[in-house]
């Protein structure tokens, strides 16, 4: 997902996500994110409390995390072949 020159999301308008129902996986996982070199992290400066959302969508979030882990593992395998 590309961000604007001012480090903001281009889909964020009027204080809301304008593509929420079709947002990409990277947004669905937020505040978690992947670093190619370090793995899974949490964005520590995020002001939100995702406790309820994480509990309600735990299976979906775990599936997305697994998909991202698989993606990076395959990238690493292909790089070494």
N, C-alpha and C. Protein backbone atom coordinates (compact mmCIF):
# COMPACT_ATOMS: atom_id res chain seq x y z
N UNK A 1 0.85 -1.17 0.00
CA UNK A 1 0.00 0.00 0.00
C UNK A 1 0.89 1.23 0.00
N UNK A 2 0.67 2.11 -0.94
CA UNK A 2 1.46 3.34 -1.01
C UNK A 2 0.87 4.39 -0.09
N UNK A 3 1.75 5.21 0.45
CA UNK A 3 1.30 6.31 1.29
C UNK A 3 1.60 7.62 0.58
N UNK A 4 0.92 8.67 0.98
CA UNK A 4 1.12 9.97 0.37
C UNK A 4 2.45 10.59 0.75
N UNK A 5 2.78 11.67 0.08
CA UNK A 5 4.04 12.37 0.36
C UNK A 5 4.11 12.85 1.81
N UNK A 6 2.95 13.11 2.41
CA UNK A 6 2.93 13.58 3.79
C UNK A 6 2.81 12.42 4.79
N UNK A 7 3.09 11.20 4.33
CA UNK A 7 3.06 9.98 5.16
C UNK A 7 1.65 9.58 5.59
N UNK A 8 0.66 9.98 4.87
CA UNK A 8 -0.72 9.60 5.18
C UNK A 8 -1.25 8.64 4.12
N UNK A 9 -2.25 7.91 4.50
CA UNK A 9 -2.90 6.98 3.59
C UNK A 9 -3.80 7.76 2.63
N UNK A 10 -3.70 7.51 1.33
CA UNK A 10 -4.55 8.22 0.38
C UNK A 10 -6.03 7.85 0.50
N UNK A 11 -6.34 6.75 1.14
CA UNK A 11 -7.73 6.32 1.31
C UNK A 11 -8.37 6.90 2.57
N UNK A 12 -7.58 7.59 3.39
CA UNK A 12 -8.09 8.17 4.63
C UNK A 12 -8.62 9.56 4.32
N UNK A 13 -9.95 9.73 4.45
CA UNK A 13 -10.57 11.01 4.11
C UNK A 13 -11.63 11.36 5.15
N UNK A 14 -11.67 12.61 5.54
CA UNK A 14 -12.66 13.08 6.52
C UNK A 14 -12.65 12.26 7.81
N UNK A 15 -11.46 11.88 8.25
CA UNK A 15 -11.32 11.15 9.50
C UNK A 15 -11.71 9.69 9.44
N UNK A 16 -11.92 9.15 8.24
CA UNK A 16 -12.34 7.75 8.10
C UNK A 16 -11.66 7.10 6.90
N UNK A 17 -11.65 5.79 6.90
CA UNK A 17 -11.14 5.03 5.76
C UNK A 17 -12.23 4.97 4.69
N UNK A 18 -11.90 5.44 3.51
CA UNK A 18 -12.90 5.47 2.43
C UNK A 18 -13.03 4.13 1.71
N UNK A 19 -12.16 3.18 2.00
CA UNK A 19 -12.21 1.86 1.35
C UNK A 19 -12.28 0.74 2.40
N UNK A 20 -12.83 1.05 3.55
CA UNK A 20 -12.79 0.13 4.69
C UNK A 20 -13.27 -1.29 4.34
N UNK A 21 -14.37 -1.43 3.65
CA UNK A 21 -14.91 -2.77 3.36
C UNK A 21 -14.04 -3.55 2.38
N UNK A 22 -13.21 -2.86 1.61
CA UNK A 22 -12.34 -3.55 0.66
C UNK A 22 -10.87 -3.22 0.89
N UNK A 23 -10.53 -2.86 2.13
CA UNK A 23 -9.16 -2.46 2.44
C UNK A 23 -8.20 -3.64 2.27
N UNK A 24 -6.94 -3.36 1.95
CA UNK A 24 -5.95 -4.43 1.76
C UNK A 24 -5.56 -5.10 3.08
N UNK A 25 -4.94 -6.26 2.96
CA UNK A 25 -4.52 -7.02 4.14
C UNK A 25 -3.65 -6.22 5.10
N UNK A 26 -2.78 -5.40 4.55
CA UNK A 26 -1.88 -4.63 5.41
C UNK A 26 -2.69 -3.74 6.36
N UNK A 27 -3.82 -3.24 5.90
CA UNK A 27 -4.69 -2.42 6.75
C UNK A 27 -5.48 -3.28 7.72
N UNK A 28 -5.89 -4.45 7.28
CA UNK A 28 -6.65 -5.34 8.15
C UNK A 28 -5.79 -5.83 9.32
N UNK A 29 -4.49 -5.91 9.10
CA UNK A 29 -3.58 -6.37 10.15
C UNK A 29 -3.13 -5.26 11.11
N UNK A 30 -3.30 -4.02 10.71
CA UNK A 30 -2.81 -2.91 11.53
C UNK A 30 -3.40 -3.00 12.94
N UNK A 31 -2.61 -2.83 13.97
CA UNK A 31 -1.31 -2.19 14.09
C UNK A 31 -0.13 -3.15 13.93
N UNK A 32 -0.39 -4.38 13.49
CA UNK A 32 0.71 -5.30 13.24
C UNK A 32 1.26 -5.06 11.83
N UNK A 33 2.55 -5.25 11.67
CA UNK A 33 3.14 -5.12 10.34
C UNK A 33 4.36 -6.02 10.25
N UNK A 34 4.76 -6.30 9.02
CA UNK A 34 5.91 -7.17 8.77
C UNK A 34 7.07 -6.37 8.23
N UNK A 35 8.22 -6.73 8.72
CA UNK A 35 9.47 -6.20 8.22
C UNK A 35 10.17 -7.36 7.54
N UNK A 36 10.67 -7.15 6.33
CA UNK A 36 11.33 -8.23 5.59
C UNK A 36 12.46 -8.89 6.37
N UNK A 37 13.10 -8.15 7.23
CA UNK A 37 14.27 -8.67 7.94
C UNK A 37 13.97 -9.12 9.37
N UNK A 38 12.94 -8.55 9.99
CA UNK A 38 12.71 -8.83 11.39
C UNK A 38 11.46 -9.60 11.72
N UNK A 39 10.53 -9.71 10.79
CA UNK A 39 9.31 -10.46 11.06
C UNK A 39 8.15 -9.58 11.47
N UNK A 40 7.36 -10.07 12.41
CA UNK A 40 6.12 -9.40 12.83
C UNK A 40 6.39 -8.40 13.95
N UNK A 41 5.84 -7.20 13.80
CA UNK A 41 5.97 -6.14 14.79
C UNK A 41 4.62 -5.52 15.05
N UNK A 42 4.54 -4.70 16.08
CA UNK A 42 3.35 -3.90 16.35
C UNK A 42 3.75 -2.44 16.33
N UNK A 43 2.94 -1.61 15.70
CA UNK A 43 3.20 -0.18 15.59
C UNK A 43 2.95 0.45 16.96
N UNK A 44 4.00 0.80 17.65
CA UNK A 44 3.90 1.25 19.04
C UNK A 44 3.29 2.64 19.18
N UNK A 45 3.32 3.46 18.14
CA UNK A 45 2.79 4.82 18.22
C UNK A 45 1.31 4.89 17.85
N UNK A 46 0.71 3.76 17.56
CA UNK A 46 -0.70 3.75 17.20
C UNK A 46 -1.54 4.17 18.40
N UNK A 47 -2.40 5.18 18.24
CA UNK A 47 -3.19 5.66 19.38
C UNK A 47 -4.43 4.80 19.66
N UNK A 48 -4.74 3.88 18.75
CA UNK A 48 -5.98 3.10 18.90
C UNK A 48 -5.87 1.96 19.89
N UNK A 49 -7.01 1.53 20.36
CA UNK A 49 -7.11 0.34 21.21
C UNK A 49 -7.84 -0.71 20.39
N UNK A 50 -7.11 -1.72 19.95
CA UNK A 50 -7.66 -2.73 19.06
C UNK A 50 -8.08 -4.00 19.80
N UNK A 51 -8.17 -3.92 21.11
CA UNK A 51 -8.47 -5.10 21.91
C UNK A 51 -9.76 -5.77 21.48
N UNK A 52 -10.84 -5.01 21.36
CA UNK A 52 -12.13 -5.58 20.98
C UNK A 52 -12.09 -6.13 19.56
N UNK A 53 -11.52 -5.35 18.64
CA UNK A 53 -11.44 -5.79 17.25
C UNK A 53 -10.60 -7.04 17.11
N UNK A 54 -9.49 -7.11 17.84
CA UNK A 54 -8.65 -8.30 17.79
C UNK A 54 -9.40 -9.52 18.31
N UNK A 55 -10.15 -9.35 19.37
CA UNK A 55 -10.91 -10.46 19.94
C UNK A 55 -12.01 -10.91 18.98
N UNK A 56 -12.73 -9.96 18.40
CA UNK A 56 -13.85 -10.28 17.51
C UNK A 56 -13.40 -10.89 16.19
N UNK A 57 -12.23 -10.52 15.71
CA UNK A 57 -11.75 -10.96 14.40
C UNK A 57 -10.49 -11.81 14.50
N UNK A 58 -10.32 -12.47 15.63
CA UNK A 58 -9.09 -13.21 15.90
C UNK A 58 -8.74 -14.21 14.79
N UNK A 59 -9.70 -15.00 14.34
CA UNK A 59 -9.41 -16.02 13.32
C UNK A 59 -9.02 -15.40 11.99
N UNK A 60 -9.71 -14.34 11.59
CA UNK A 60 -9.37 -13.65 10.35
C UNK A 60 -7.97 -13.06 10.43
N UNK A 61 -7.66 -12.44 11.55
CA UNK A 61 -6.36 -11.81 11.73
C UNK A 61 -5.25 -12.86 11.75
N UNK A 62 -5.47 -13.96 12.43
CA UNK A 62 -4.47 -15.04 12.45
C UNK A 62 -4.24 -15.61 11.05
N UNK A 63 -5.30 -15.74 10.28
CA UNK A 63 -5.18 -16.23 8.91
C UNK A 63 -4.36 -15.24 8.06
N UNK A 64 -4.63 -13.95 8.21
CA UNK A 64 -3.88 -12.94 7.47
C UNK A 64 -2.40 -12.95 7.87
N UNK A 65 -2.14 -13.09 9.16
CA UNK A 65 -0.75 -13.16 9.63
C UNK A 65 -0.06 -14.38 9.03
N UNK A 66 -0.74 -15.52 9.04
CA UNK A 66 -0.17 -16.74 8.47
C UNK A 66 0.14 -16.56 6.98
N UNK A 67 -0.77 -15.90 6.26
CA UNK A 67 -0.55 -15.64 4.84
C UNK A 67 0.66 -14.76 4.62
N UNK A 68 0.84 -13.74 5.47
CA UNK A 68 1.99 -12.86 5.32
C UNK A 68 3.29 -13.59 5.66
N UNK A 69 3.26 -14.42 6.69
CA UNK A 69 4.45 -15.21 7.03
C UNK A 69 4.81 -16.13 5.86
N UNK A 70 3.81 -16.81 5.31
CA UNK A 70 4.06 -17.69 4.16
C UNK A 70 4.64 -16.91 2.99
N UNK A 71 4.09 -15.73 2.74
CA UNK A 71 4.56 -14.88 1.65
C UNK A 71 6.05 -14.57 1.81
N UNK A 72 6.45 -14.14 3.00
CA UNK A 72 7.85 -13.78 3.24
C UNK A 72 8.76 -15.00 3.25
N UNK A 73 8.26 -16.13 3.74
CA UNK A 73 9.06 -17.36 3.70
C UNK A 73 9.30 -17.78 2.25
N UNK A 74 8.27 -17.69 1.41
CA UNK A 74 8.43 -18.05 -0.01
C UNK A 74 9.36 -17.08 -0.72
N UNK A 75 9.28 -15.80 -0.35
CA UNK A 75 10.18 -14.81 -0.94
C UNK A 75 11.62 -15.17 -0.61
N UNK A 76 11.85 -15.54 0.64
CA UNK A 76 13.21 -15.89 1.07
C UNK A 76 13.70 -17.15 0.36
N UNK A 77 12.83 -18.16 0.24
CA UNK A 77 13.19 -19.39 -0.47
C UNK A 77 13.55 -19.11 -1.91
N UNK A 78 12.74 -18.29 -2.59
CA UNK A 78 12.99 -17.99 -3.99
C UNK A 78 14.26 -17.17 -4.17
N UNK A 79 14.58 -16.35 -3.19
CA UNK A 79 15.80 -15.54 -3.24
C UNK A 79 17.03 -16.45 -3.15
N UNK A 80 16.92 -17.51 -2.37
CA UNK A 80 18.06 -18.42 -2.16
C UNK A 80 18.18 -19.48 -3.25
N UNK A 81 17.21 -19.60 -4.11
CA UNK A 81 17.27 -20.61 -5.20
C UNK A 81 17.81 -20.04 -6.47
